[in-house]
Amino acid sequence: MAKYQLSYFNIKGIAEPIRMLFAVAGVEYEDIRIQPEQWPSEKASGKYPFGSMPILVYGDIKIAQSFAITRYLANEFGLNGKTNLEKANVDMIADALKDIGEKIGKLFQEQDETDRKSVV
């Protein structure tokens, strides 16, 4: 039987919600942590769709993009809601969290205090 493999940098970042889904579902997976110095050769290998991480591999299935992975696993593990309204609410909260995460990322990247205020 195939085992899930999740590849991402050795940080929490955008892969952490995926790791949390595995934990909540009680599903074992291989957590492959890529070191920054490994990334150029890993990226050049061609095994990463869009040349980015995270990536989920499960047998012959390969899924890139953190929210695509999260939604796929939520569906697989039955954590996406039972009714269409529950599913819409799950998606709404997930999308809001994504928006917040992007703003937090910009805050950390912006060095100028005045420009930092405009991010929020």
PDB file of N, CA and C in Angstrom:
ATOM      1  N   MET A   1       0.849  -1.193   0.000  1.00  0.00           N
ATOM      2  CA  MET A   1       0.000   0.000   0.000  1.00  0.00           C
ATOM      3  C   MET A   1       0.884   1.243   0.000  1.00  0.00           C
ATOM      4  N   ALA A   2       0.487   2.221  -0.781  1.00  0.00           N
ATOM      5  CA  ALA A   2       1.252   3.465  -0.874  1.00  0.00           C
ATOM      6  C   ALA A   2       1.177   4.227   0.441  1.00  0.00           C
ATOM      7  N   LYS A   3       2.207   5.020   0.680  1.00  0.00           N
ATOM      8  CA  LYS A   3       2.253   5.865   1.865  1.00  0.00           C
ATOM      9  C   LYS A   3       2.362   7.317   1.400  1.00  0.00           C
ATOM     10  N   TYR A   4       1.665   8.190   2.085  1.00  0.00           N
ATOM     11  CA  TYR A   4       1.757   9.610   1.761  1.00  0.00           C
ATOM     12  C   TYR A   4       3.163  10.119   2.045  1.00  0.00           C
ATOM     13  N   GLN A   5       3.655  10.969   1.152  1.00  0.00           N
ATOM     14  CA  GLN A   5       4.939  11.648   1.347  1.00  0.00           C
ATOM     15  C   GLN A   5       4.706  13.140   1.138  1.00  0.00           C
ATOM     16  N   LEU A   6       5.059  13.919   2.144  1.00  0.00           N
ATOM     17  CA  LEU A   6       4.935  15.370   2.059  1.00  0.00           C
ATOM     18  C   LEU A   6       6.336  15.966   2.066  1.00  0.00           C
ATOM     19  N   SER A   7       6.654  16.754   1.047  1.00  0.00           N
ATOM     20  CA  SER A   7       7.960  17.412   0.970  1.00  0.00           C
ATOM     21  C   SER A   7       7.784  18.911   1.120  1.00  0.00           C
ATOM     22  N   TYR A   8       8.596  19.476   2.023  1.00  0.00           N
ATOM     23  CA  TYR A   8       8.610  20.926   2.233  1.00  0.00           C
ATOM     24  C   TYR A   8       9.905  21.277   2.960  1.00  0.00           C
ATOM     25  N   PHE A   9      10.167  22.565   3.083  1.00  0.00           N
ATOM     26  CA  PHE A   9      11.351  23.005   3.819  1.00  0.00           C
ATOM     27  C   PHE A   9      11.242  22.617   5.291  1.00  0.00           C
ATOM     28  N   ASN A  10      12.337  22.672   5.990  1.00  0.00           N
ATOM     29  CA  ASN A  10      12.387  22.291   7.400  1.00  0.00           C
ATOM     30  C   ASN A  10      11.872  23.433   8.294  1.00  0.00           C
ATOM     31  N   ILE A  11      10.672  23.893   7.981  1.00  0.00           N
ATOM     32  CA  ILE A  11       9.987  24.940   8.752  1.00  0.00           C
ATOM     33  C   ILE A  11       8.505  24.577   8.788  1.00  0.00           C
ATOM     34  N   LYS A  12       7.754  25.274   9.628  1.00  0.00           N
ATOM     35  CA  LYS A  12       6.306  25.030   9.653  1.00  0.00           C
ATOM     36  C   LYS A  12       5.678  25.579   8.385  1.00  0.00           C
ATOM     37  N   GLY A  13       5.681  26.878   8.235  1.00  0.00           N
ATOM     38  CA  GLY A  13       5.218  27.534   7.018  1.00  0.00           C
ATOM     39  C   GLY A  13       3.882  27.025   6.494  1.00  0.00           C
ATOM     40  N   ILE A  14       3.746  27.043   5.184  1.00  0.00           N
ATOM     41  CA  ILE A  14       2.470  26.696   4.555  1.00  0.00           C
ATOM     42  C   ILE A  14       2.187  25.198   4.548  1.00  0.00           C
ATOM     43  N   ALA A  15       3.142  24.382   4.950  1.00  0.00           N
ATOM     44  CA  ALA A  15       2.904  22.940   5.033  1.00  0.00           C
ATOM     45  C   ALA A  15       2.342  22.521   6.387  1.00  0.00           C
ATOM     46  N   GLU A  16       2.374  23.407   7.368  1.00  0.00           N
ATOM     47  CA  GLU A  16       1.935  23.017   8.710  1.00  0.00           C
ATOM     48  C   GLU A  16       0.460  22.629   8.777  1.00  0.00           C
ATOM     49  N   PRO A  17      -0.448  23.344   8.101  1.00  0.00           N
ATOM     50  CA  PRO A  17      -1.839  22.879   8.114  1.00  0.00           C
ATOM     51  C   PRO A  17      -1.991  21.472   7.522  1.00  0.00           C
ATOM     52  N   ILE A  18      -1.158  21.137   6.558  1.00  0.00           N
ATOM     53  CA  ILE A  18      -1.197  19.793   5.969  1.00  0.00           C
ATOM     54  C   ILE A  18      -0.758  18.765   7.009  1.00  0.00           C
ATOM     55  N   ARG A  19       0.309  19.072   7.711  1.00  0.00           N
ATOM     56  CA  ARG A  19       0.774  18.171   8.772  1.00  0.00           C
ATOM     57  C   ARG A  19      -0.291  18.009   9.857  1.00  0.00           C
ATOM     58  N   MET A  20      -0.991  19.107  10.163  1.00  0.00           N
ATOM     59  CA  MET A  20      -2.057  19.050  11.164  1.00  0.00           C
ATOM     60  C   MET A  20      -3.201  18.146  10.714  1.00  0.00           C
ATOM     61  N   LEU A  21      -3.531  18.194   9.424  1.00  0.00           N
ATOM     62  CA  LEU A  21      -4.577  17.312   8.906  1.00  0.00           C
ATOM     63  C   LEU A  21      -4.204  15.844   9.096  1.00  0.00           C
ATOM     64  N   PHE A  22      -2.953  15.507   8.809  1.00  0.00           N
ATOM     65  CA  PHE A  22      -2.508  14.128   9.035  1.00  0.00           C
ATOM     66  C   PHE A  22      -2.657  13.751  10.510  1.00  0.00           C
ATOM     67  N   ALA A  23      -2.287  14.670  11.397  1.00  0.00           N
ATOM     68  CA  ALA A  23      -2.367  14.394  12.837  1.00  0.00           C
ATOM     69  C   ALA A  23      -3.818  14.210  13.281  1.00  0.00           C
ATOM     70  N   VAL A  24      -4.698  15.116  12.860  1.00  0.00           N
ATOM     71  CA  VAL A  24      -6.109  15.028  13.246  1.00  0.00           C
ATOM     72  C   VAL A  24      -6.735  13.738  12.716  1.00  0.00           C
ATOM     73  N   ALA A  25      -6.384  13.364  11.496  1.00  0.00           N
ATOM     74  CA  ALA A  25      -6.942  12.154  10.885  1.00  0.00           C
ATOM     75  C   ALA A  25      -6.282  10.888  11.409  1.00  0.00           C
ATOM     76  N   GLY A  26      -5.138  11.018  12.096  1.00  0.00           N
ATOM     77  CA  GLY A  26      -4.425   9.847  12.592  1.00  0.00           C
ATOM     78  C   GLY A  26      -3.804   9.025  11.476  1.00  0.00           C
ATOM     79  N   VAL A  27      -3.405   9.693  10.399  1.00  0.00           N
ATOM     80  CA  VAL A  27      -2.835   9.021   9.238  1.00  0.00           C
ATOM     81  C   VAL A  27      -1.320   9.225   9.225  1.00  0.00           C
ATOM     82  N   GLU A  28      -0.592   8.126   9.100  1.00  0.00           N
ATOM     83  CA  GLU A  28       0.867   8.213   9.033  1.00  0.00           C
ATOM     84  C   GLU A  28       1.301   8.696   7.654  1.00  0.00           C
ATOM     85  N   TYR A  29       2.409   9.420   7.640  1.00  0.00           N
ATOM     86  CA  TYR A  29       2.969   9.921   6.388  1.00  0.00           C
ATOM     87  C   TYR A  29       4.459  10.131   6.584  1.00  0.00           C
ATOM     88  N   GLU A  30       5.164  10.249   5.474  1.00  0.00           N
ATOM     89  CA  GLU A  30       6.591  10.550   5.527  1.00  0.00           C
ATOM     90  C   GLU A  30       6.765  12.057   5.367  1.00  0.00           C
ATOM     91  N   ASP A  31       7.351  12.683   6.365  1.00  0.00           N
ATOM     92  CA  ASP A  31       7.545  14.128   6.386  1.00  0.00           C
ATOM     93  C   ASP A  31       8.963  14.424   5.892  1.00  0.00           C
ATOM     94  N   ILE A  32       9.095  14.732   4.616  1.00  0.00           N
ATOM     95  CA  ILE A  32      10.406  14.958   4.004  1.00  0.00           C
ATOM     96  C   ILE A  32      10.736  16.440   4.133  1.00  0.00           C
ATOM     97  N   ARG A  33      11.793  16.735   4.880  1.00  0.00           N
ATOM     98  CA  ARG A  33      12.207  18.121   5.121  1.00  0.00           C
ATOM     99  C   ARG A  33      13.413  18.442   4.231  1.00  0.00           C
ATOM    100  N   ILE A  34      13.241  19.407   3.346  1.00  0.00           N
ATOM    101  CA  ILE A  34      14.290  19.818   2.414  1.00  0.00           C
ATOM    102  C   ILE A  34      15.048  20.997   3.017  1.00  0.00           C
ATOM    103  N   GLN A  35      16.355  20.868   3.080  1.00  0.00           N
ATOM    104  CA  GLN A  35      17.205  21.945   3.583  1.00  0.00           C
ATOM    105  C   GLN A  35      17.392  22.990   2.475  1.00  0.00           C
ATOM    106  N   PRO A  36      17.548  24.256   2.842  1.00  0.00           N
ATOM    107  CA  PRO A  36      17.687  25.315   1.824  1.00  0.00           C
ATOM    108  C   PRO A  36      18.803  25.041   0.803  1.00  0.00           C
ATOM    109  N   GLU A  37      19.908  24.495   1.264  1.00  0.00           N
ATOM    110  CA  GLU A  37      21.012  24.236   0.328  1.00  0.00           C
ATOM    111  C   GLU A  37      20.699  23.081  -0.636  1.00  0.00           C
ATOM    112  N   GLN A  38      19.719  22.252  -0.316  1.00  0.00           N
ATOM    113  CA  GLN A  38      19.303  21.155  -1.196  1.00  0.00           C
ATOM    114  C   GLN A  38      18.323  21.626  -2.274  1.00  0.00           C
ATOM    115  N   TRP A  39      17.641  22.729  -2.019  1.00  0.00           N
ATOM    116  CA  TRP A  39      16.542  23.136  -2.875  1.00  0.00           C
ATOM    117  C   TRP A  39      16.940  23.376  -4.332  1.00  0.00           C
ATOM    118  N   PRO A  40      18.040  24.051  -4.648  1.00  0.00           N
ATOM    119  CA  PRO A  40      18.355  24.257  -6.077  1.00  0.00           C
ATOM    120  C   PRO A  40      18.457  22.946  -6.868  1.00  0.00           C
ATOM    121  N   SER A  41      19.112  21.942  -6.326  1.00  0.00           N
ATOM    122  CA  SER A  41      19.216  20.672  -7.055  1.00  0.00           C
ATOM    123  C   SER A  41      17.885  19.925  -7.055  1.00  0.00           C
ATOM    124  N   GLU A  42      17.133  20.004  -5.957  1.00  0.00           N
ATOM    125  CA  GLU A  42      15.808  19.381  -5.909  1.00  0.00           C
ATOM    126  C   GLU A  42      14.892  20.015  -6.957  1.00  0.00           C
ATOM    127  N   LYS A  43      14.892  21.334  -7.011  1.00  0.00           N
ATOM    128  CA  LYS A  43      14.043  22.047  -7.953  1.00  0.00           C
ATOM    129  C   LYS A  43      14.414  21.703  -9.393  1.00  0.00           C
ATOM    130  N   ALA A  44      15.703  21.617  -9.660  1.00  0.00           N
ATOM    131  CA  ALA A  44      16.181  21.295 -11.006  1.00  0.00           C
ATOM    132  C   ALA A  44      15.859  19.853 -11.413  1.00  0.00           C
ATOM    133  N   SER A  45      15.533  19.010 -10.444  1.00  0.00           N
ATOM    134  CA  SER A  45      15.257  17.597 -10.733  1.00  0.00           C
ATOM    135  C   SER A  45      13.990  17.407 -11.558  1.00  0.00           C
ATOM    136  N   GLY A  46      13.105  18.404 -11.557  1.00  0.00           N
ATOM    137  CA  GLY A  46      11.874  18.316 -12.325  1.00  0.00           C
ATOM    138  C   GLY A  46      10.755  17.553 -11.641  1.00  0.00           C
ATOM    139  N   LYS A  47      10.966  17.113 -10.416  1.00  0.00           N
ATOM    140  CA  LYS A  47       9.915  16.333  -9.742  1.00  0.00           C
ATOM    141  C   LYS A  47       8.895  17.199  -9.018  1.00  0.00           C
ATOM    142  N   TYR A  48       9.062  18.510  -9.068  1.00  0.00           N
ATOM    143  CA  TYR A  48       8.144  19.426  -8.390  1.00  0.00           C
ATOM    144  C   TYR A  48       7.319  20.190  -9.412  1.00  0.00           C
ATOM    145  N   PRO A  49       6.004  19.885  -9.506  1.00  0.00           N
ATOM    146  CA  PRO A  49       5.172  20.666 -10.430  1.00  0.00           C
ATOM    147  C   PRO A  49       5.252  22.148 -10.058  1.00  0.00           C
ATOM    148  N   PHE A  50       5.342  22.981 -11.024  1.00  0.00           N
ATOM    149  CA  PHE A  50       5.458  24.431 -10.860  1.00  0.00           C
ATOM    150  C   PHE A  50       6.783  24.829 -10.206  1.00  0.00           C
ATOM    151  N   GLY A  51       7.678  23.889  -9.959  1.00  0.00           N
ATOM    152  CA  GLY A  51       8.968  24.205  -9.354  1.00  0.00           C
ATOM    153  C   GLY A  51       8.857  24.746  -7.948  1.00  0.00           C
ATOM    154  N   SER A  52       7.852  24.284  -7.209  1.00  0.00           N
ATOM    155  CA  SER A  52       7.648  24.806  -5.857  1.00  0.00           C
ATOM    156  C   SER A  52       7.224  23.690  -4.903  1.00  0.00           C
ATOM    157  N   MET A  53       7.275  24.015  -3.623  1.00  0.00           N
ATOM    158  CA  MET A  53       6.814  23.113  -2.580  1.00  0.00           C
ATOM    159  C   MET A  53       5.761  23.862  -1.771  1.00  0.00           C
ATOM    160  N   PRO A  54       4.941  23.152  -1.028  1.00  0.00           N
ATOM    161  CA  PRO A  54       4.988  21.729  -0.734  1.00  0.00           C
ATOM    162  C   PRO A  54       4.463  20.890  -1.891  1.00  0.00           C
ATOM    163  N   ILE A  55       4.768  19.615  -1.797  1.00  0.00           N
ATOM    164  CA  ILE A  55       4.261  18.634  -2.752  1.00  0.00           C
ATOM    165  C   ILE A  55       3.870  17.391  -1.971  1.00  0.00           C
ATOM    166  N   LEU A  56       2.741  16.807  -2.359  1.00  0.00           N
ATOM    167  CA  LEU A  56       2.259  15.563  -1.764  1.00  0.00           C
ATOM    168  C   LEU A  56       2.345  14.476  -2.819  1.00  0.00           C
ATOM    169  N   VAL A  57       2.970  13.367  -2.460  1.00  0.00           N
ATOM    170  CA  VAL A  57       3.051  12.210  -3.350  1.00  0.00           C
ATOM    171  C   VAL A  57       2.365  11.050  -2.647  1.00  0.00           C
ATOM    172  N   TYR A  58       1.515  10.351  -3.394  1.00  0.00           N
ATOM    173  CA  TYR A  58       0.810   9.186  -2.872  1.00  0.00           C
ATOM    174  C   TYR A  58       0.704   8.191  -4.014  1.00  0.00           C
ATOM    175  N   GLY A  59       1.608   7.231  -4.040  1.00  0.00           N
ATOM    176  CA  GLY A  59       1.664   6.309  -5.174  1.00  0.00           C
ATOM    177  C   GLY A  59       2.017   7.080  -6.432  1.00  0.00           C
ATOM    178  N   ASP A  60       1.149   6.997  -7.432  1.00  0.00           N
ATOM    179  CA  ASP A  60       1.367   7.709  -8.697  1.00  0.00           C
ATOM    180  C   ASP A  60       0.792   9.128  -8.684  1.00  0.00           C
ATOM    181  N   ILE A  61       0.127   9.486  -7.591  1.00  0.00           N
ATOM    182  CA  ILE A  61      -0.497  10.808  -7.485  1.00  0.00           C
ATOM    183  C   ILE A  61       0.534  11.815  -6.993  1.00  0.00           C
ATOM    184  N   LYS A  62       0.580  12.962  -7.653  1.00  0.00           N
ATOM    185  CA  LYS A  62       1.473  14.045  -7.248  1.00  0.00           C
ATOM    186  C   LYS A  62       0.662  15.337  -7.260  1.00  0.00           C
ATOM    187  N   ILE A  63       0.565  15.985  -6.086  1.00  0.00           N
ATOM    188  CA  ILE A  63      -0.215  17.212  -5.978  1.00  0.00           C
ATOM    189  C   ILE A  63       0.670  18.316  -5.417  1.00  0.00           C
ATOM    190  N   ALA A  64       0.678  19.446  -6.101  1.00  0.00           N
ATOM    191  CA  ALA A  64       1.408  20.628  -5.645  1.00  0.00           C
ATOM    192  C   ALA A  64       0.390  21.661  -5.167  1.00  0.00           C
ATOM    193  N   GLN A  65       0.896  22.712  -4.542  1.00  0.00           N
ATOM    194  CA  GLN A  65       0.113  23.835  -4.036  1.00  0.00           C
ATOM    195  C   GLN A  65      -0.546  23.466  -2.711  1.00  0.00           C
ATOM    196  N   SER A  66      -0.220  24.226  -1.692  1.00  0.00           N
ATOM    197  CA  SER A  66      -0.630  23.897  -0.325  1.00  0.00           C
ATOM    198  C   SER A  66      -2.145  23.781  -0.155  1.00  0.00           C
ATOM    199  N   PHE A  67      -2.916  24.672  -0.766  1.00  0.00           N
ATOM    200  CA  PHE A  67      -4.363  24.598  -0.567  1.00  0.00           C
ATOM    201  C   PHE A  67      -4.991  23.461  -1.363  1.00  0.00           C
ATOM    202  N   ALA A  68      -4.431  23.123  -2.504  1.00  0.00           N
ATOM    203  CA  ALA A  68      -4.916  21.953  -3.246  1.00  0.00           C
ATOM    204  C   ALA A  68      -4.660  20.687  -2.427  1.00  0.00           C
ATOM    205  N   ILE A  69      -3.489  20.605  -1.804  1.00  0.00           N
ATOM    206  CA  ILE A  69      -3.160  19.451  -0.961  1.00  0.00           C
ATOM    207  C   ILE A  69      -4.089  19.394   0.246  1.00  0.00           C
ATOM    208  N   THR A  70      -4.276  20.536   0.894  1.00  0.00           N
ATOM    209  CA  THR A  70      -5.127  20.592   2.080  1.00  0.00           C
ATOM    210  C   THR A  70      -6.556  20.163   1.752  1.00  0.00           C
ATOM    211  N   ARG A  71      -7.092  20.688   0.673  1.00  0.00           N
ATOM    212  CA  ARG A  71      -8.469  20.336   0.309  1.00  0.00           C
ATOM    213  C   ARG A  71      -8.574  18.868  -0.100  1.00  0.00           C
ATOM    214  N   TYR A  72      -7.599  18.376  -0.818  1.00  0.00           N
ATOM    215  CA  TYR A  72      -7.599  16.959  -1.209  1.00  0.00           C
ATOM    216  C   TYR A  72      -7.611  16.061   0.026  1.00  0.00           C
ATOM    217  N   LEU A  73      -6.716  16.330   0.972  1.00  0.00           N
ATOM    218  CA  LEU A  73      -6.639  15.493   2.164  1.00  0.00           C
ATOM    219  C   LEU A  73      -7.893  15.630   3.031  1.00  0.00           C
ATOM    220  N   ALA A  74      -8.425  16.840   3.154  1.00  0.00           N
ATOM    221  CA  ALA A  74      -9.661  17.017   3.924  1.00  0.00           C
ATOM    222  C   ALA A  74     -10.779  16.171   3.320  1.00  0.00           C
ATOM    223  N   ASN A  75     -10.849  16.132   1.991  1.00  0.00           N
ATOM    224  CA  ASN A  75     -11.842  15.282   1.329  1.00  0.00           C
ATOM    225  C   ASN A  75     -11.555  13.802   1.578  1.00  0.00           C
ATOM    226  N   GLU A  76     -10.309  13.408   1.435  1.00  0.00           N
ATOM    227  CA  GLU A  76      -9.933  12.002   1.633  1.00  0.00           C
ATOM    228  C   GLU A  76     -10.213  11.534   3.058  1.00  0.00           C
ATOM    229  N   PHE A  77      -9.987  12.400   4.027  1.00  0.00           N
ATOM    230  CA  PHE A  77     -10.112  12.027   5.439  1.00  0.00           C
ATOM    231  C   PHE A  77     -11.496  12.334   6.010  1.00  0.00           C
ATOM    232  N   GLY A  78     -12.405  12.836   5.191  1.00  0.00           N
ATOM    233  CA  GLY A  78     -13.752  13.145   5.658  1.00  0.00           C
ATOM    234  C   GLY A  78     -13.814  14.335   6.602  1.00  0.00           C
ATOM    235  N   LEU A  79     -12.909  15.285   6.415  1.00  0.00           N
ATOM    236  CA  LEU A  79     -12.848  16.457   7.290  1.00  0.00           C
ATOM    237  C   LEU A  79     -13.309  17.734   6.595  1.00  0.00           C
ATOM    238  N   ASN A  80     -14.007  17.586   5.497  1.00  0.00           N
ATOM    239  CA  ASN A  80     -14.386  18.739   4.690  1.00  0.00           C
ATOM    240  C   ASN A  80     -15.831  19.176   4.878  1.00  0.00           C
ATOM    241  N   GLY A  81     -16.552  18.562   5.787  1.00  0.00           N
ATOM    242  CA  GLY A  81     -17.961  18.876   6.003  1.00  0.00           C
ATOM    243  C   GLY A  81     -18.849  17.818   5.379  1.00  0.00           C
ATOM    244  N   LYS A  82     -20.050  17.692   5.927  1.00  0.00           N
ATOM    245  CA  LYS A  82     -20.969  16.654   5.441  1.00  0.00           C
ATOM    246  C   LYS A  82     -21.956  17.198   4.408  1.00  0.00           C
ATOM    247  N   THR A  83     -22.410  18.422   4.586  1.00  0.00           N
ATOM    248  CA  THR A  83     -23.359  19.012   3.641  1.00  0.00           C
ATOM    249  C   THR A  83     -22.634  20.045   2.782  1.00  0.00           C
ATOM    250  N   ASN A  84     -23.289  20.465   1.720  1.00  0.00           N
ATOM    251  CA  ASN A  84     -22.687  21.492   0.866  1.00  0.00           C
ATOM    252  C   ASN A  84     -22.445  22.782   1.637  1.00  0.00           C
ATOM    253  N   LEU A  85     -23.366  23.120   2.559  1.00  0.00           N
ATOM    254  CA  LEU A  85     -23.181  24.334   3.356  1.00  0.00           C
ATOM    255  C   LEU A  85     -21.976  24.188   4.286  1.00  0.00           C
ATOM    256  N   GLU A  86     -21.822  23.043   4.928  1.00  0.00           N
ATOM    257  CA  GLU A  86     -20.649  22.818   5.787  1.00  0.00           C
ATOM    258  C   GLU A  86     -19.369  22.896   4.958  1.00  0.00           C
ATOM    259  N   LYS A  87     -19.384  22.325   3.762  1.00  0.00           N
ATOM    260  CA  LYS A  87     -18.203  22.369   2.879  1.00  0.00           C
ATOM    261  C   LYS A  87     -17.877  23.814   2.490  1.00  0.00           C
ATOM    262  N   ALA A  88     -18.913  24.603   2.203  1.00  0.00           N
ATOM    263  CA  ALA A  88     -18.701  26.012   1.857  1.00  0.00           C
ATOM    264  C   ALA A  88     -18.113  26.767   3.045  1.00  0.00           C
ATOM    265  N   ASN A  89     -18.581  26.470   4.241  1.00  0.00           N
ATOM    266  CA  ASN A  89     -18.044  27.119   5.441  1.00  0.00           C
ATOM    267  C   ASN A  89     -16.586  26.732   5.676  1.00  0.00           C
ATOM    268  N   VAL A  90     -16.250  25.470   5.453  1.00  0.00           N
ATOM    269  CA  VAL A  90     -14.851  25.033   5.580  1.00  0.00           C
ATOM    270  C   VAL A  90     -13.989  25.791   4.579  1.00  0.00           C
ATOM    271  N   ASP A  91     -14.447  25.871   3.322  1.00  0.00           N
ATOM    272  CA  ASP A  91     -13.690  26.604   2.299  1.00  0.00           C
ATOM    273  C   ASP A  91     -13.571  28.087   2.647  1.00  0.00           C
ATOM    274  N   MET A  92     -14.643  28.681   3.166  1.00  0.00           N
ATOM    275  CA  MET A  92     -14.630  30.097   3.524  1.00  0.00           C
ATOM    276  C   MET A  92     -13.573  30.374   4.601  1.00  0.00           C
ATOM    277  N   ILE A  93     -13.556  29.554   5.628  1.00  0.00           N
ATOM    278  CA  ILE A  93     -12.582  29.738   6.710  1.00  0.00           C
ATOM    279  C   ILE A  93     -11.172  29.492   6.189  1.00  0.00           C
ATOM    280  N   ALA A  94     -10.992  28.456   5.371  1.00  0.00           N
ATOM    281  CA  ALA A  94      -9.670  28.165   4.816  1.00  0.00           C
ATOM    282  C   ALA A  94      -9.166  29.324   3.959  1.00  0.00           C
ATOM    283  N   ASP A  95     -10.039  29.883   3.137  1.00  0.00           N
ATOM    284  CA  ASP A  95      -9.633  31.007   2.290  1.00  0.00           C
ATOM    285  C   ASP A  95      -9.309  32.247   3.121  1.00  0.00           C
ATOM    286  N   ALA A  96     -10.081  32.475   4.184  1.00  0.00           N
ATOM    287  CA  ALA A  96      -9.791  33.619   5.061  1.00  0.00           C
ATOM    288  C   ALA A  96      -8.440  33.441   5.746  1.00  0.00           C
ATOM    289  N   LEU A  97      -8.159  32.230   6.195  1.00  0.00           N
ATOM    290  CA  LEU A  97      -6.860  31.966   6.825  1.00  0.00           C
ATOM    291  C   LEU A  97      -5.707  32.136   5.829  1.00  0.00           C
ATOM    292  N   LYS A  98      -5.943  31.750   4.592  1.00  0.00           N
ATOM    293  CA  LYS A  98      -4.920  31.948   3.554  1.00  0.00           C
ATOM    294  C   LYS A  98      -4.641  33.438   3.367  1.00  0.00           C
ATOM    295  N   ASP A  99      -5.703  34.245   3.299  1.00  0.00           N
ATOM    296  CA  ASP A  99      -5.535  35.699   3.151  1.00  0.00           C
ATOM    297  C   ASP A  99      -4.746  36.279   4.320  1.00  0.00           C
ATOM    298  N   ILE A 100      -5.091  35.854   5.536  1.00  0.00           N
ATOM    299  CA  ILE A 100      -4.383  36.335   6.730  1.00  0.00           C
ATOM    300  C   ILE A 100      -2.916  35.913   6.679  1.00  0.00           C
ATOM    301  N   GLY A 101      -2.670  34.667   6.309  1.00  0.00           N
ATOM    302  CA  GLY A 101      -1.294  34.169   6.219  1.00  0.00           C
ATOM    303  C   GLY A 101      -0.456  34.950   5.227  1.00  0.00           C
ATOM    304  N   GLU A 102      -1.055  35.308   4.101  1.00  0.00           N
ATOM    305  CA  GLU A 102      -0.329  36.091   3.101  1.00  0.00           C
ATOM    306  C   GLU A 102       0.029  37.474   3.644  1.00  0.00           C
ATOM    307  N   LYS A 103      -0.888  38.087   4.384  1.00  0.00           N
ATOM    308  CA  LYS A 103      -0.607  39.410   4.967  1.00  0.00           C
ATOM    309  C   LYS A 103       0.479  39.315   6.033  1.00  0.00           C
ATOM    310  N   ILE A 104       0.437  38.278   6.831  1.00  0.00           N
ATOM    311  CA  ILE A 104       1.477  38.095   7.853  1.00  0.00           C
ATOM    312  C   ILE A 104       2.833  37.916   7.185  1.00  0.00           C
ATOM    313  N   GLY A 105       2.865  37.143   6.108  1.00  0.00           N
ATOM    314  CA  GLY A 105       4.116  36.958   5.368  1.00  0.00           C
ATOM    315  C   GLY A 105       4.668  38.270   4.845  1.00  0.00           C
ATOM    316  N   LYS A 106       3.787  39.114   4.318  1.00  0.00           N
ATOM    317  CA  LYS A 106       4.214  40.423   3.812  1.00  0.00           C
ATOM    318  C   LYS A 106       4.728  41.307   4.945  1.00  0.00           C
ATOM    319  N   LEU A 107       4.085  41.207   6.113  1.00  0.00           N
ATOM    320  CA  LEU A 107       4.545  41.993   7.263  1.00  0.00           C
ATOM    321  C   LEU A 107       5.979  41.634   7.633  1.00  0.00           C
ATOM    322  N   PHE A 108       6.288  40.347   7.629  1.00  0.00           N
ATOM    323  CA  PHE A 108       7.642  39.916   7.982  1.00  0.00           C
ATOM    324  C   PHE A 108       8.664  40.324   6.925  1.00  0.00           C
ATOM    325  N   GLN A 109       8.219  40.412   5.670  1.00  0.00           N
ATOM    326  CA  GLN A 109       9.148  40.758   4.598  1.00  0.00           C
ATOM    327  C   GLN A 109       9.394  42.256   4.504  1.00  0.00           C
ATOM    328  N   GLU A 110       8.416  43.062   4.857  1.00  0.00           N
ATOM    329  CA  GLU A 110       8.526  44.513   4.723  1.00  0.00           C
ATOM    330  C   GLU A 110       9.373  45.093   5.848  1.00  0.00           C
ATOM    331  N   GLN A 111      10.418  45.813   5.476  1.00  0.00           N
ATOM    332  CA  GLN A 111      11.345  46.386   6.454  1.00  0.00           C
ATOM    333  C   GLN A 111      10.945  47.803   6.872  1.00  0.00           C
ATOM    334  N   ASP A 112      10.348  48.554   5.957  1.00  0.00           N
ATOM    335  CA  ASP A 112       9.979  49.934   6.232  1.00  0.00           C
ATOM    336  C   ASP A 112       8.699  49.975   7.066  1.00  0.00           C
ATOM    337  N   GLU A 113       8.745  50.654   8.216  1.00  0.00           N
ATOM    338  CA  GLU A 113       7.609  50.695   9.149  1.00  0.00           C
ATOM    339  C   GLU A 113       6.369  51.333   8.518  1.00  0.00           C
ATOM    340  N   THR A 114       6.547  52.395   7.732  1.00  0.00           N
ATOM    341  CA  THR A 114       5.417  53.046   7.087  1.00  0.00           C
ATOM    342  C   THR A 114       4.761  52.109   6.069  1.00  0.00           C
ATOM    343  N   ASP A 115       5.587  51.437   5.262  1.00  0.00           N
ATOM    344  CA  ASP A 115       5.056  50.504   4.287  1.00  0.00           C
ATOM    345  C   ASP A 115       4.438  49.293   4.985  1.00  0.00           C
ATOM    346  N   ARG A 116       4.963  48.929   6.130  1.00  0.00           N
ATOM    347  CA  ARG A 116       4.443  47.790   6.882  1.00  0.00           C
ATOM    348  C   ARG A 116       2.986  48.043   7.300  1.00  0.00           C
ATOM    349  N   LYS A 117       2.695  49.301   7.690  1.00  0.00           N
ATOM    350  CA  LYS A 117       1.317  49.630   8.099  1.00  0.00           C
ATOM    351  C   LYS A 117       0.342  49.519   6.942  1.00  0.00           C
ATOM    352  N   SER A 118       0.806  49.780   5.733  1.00  0.00           N
ATOM    353  CA  SER A 118      -0.078  49.707   4.574  1.00  0.00           C
ATOM    354  C   SER A 118      -0.407  48.265   4.170  1.00  0.00           C
ATOM    355  N   VAL A 119       0.385  47.311   4.653  1.00  0.00           N
ATOM    356  CA  VAL A 119       0.141  45.918   4.329  1.00  0.00           C
ATOM    357  C   VAL A 119      -1.134  45.426   4.989  1.00  0.00           C
ATOM    358  N   VAL A 120      -1.375  45.903   6.228  1.00  0.00           N
ATOM    359  CA  VAL A 120      -2.548  45.443   6.960  1.00  0.00           C
ATOM    360  C   VAL A 120      -3.743  46.213   6.513  1.00  0.00           C
TER     361      VAL A 120
END
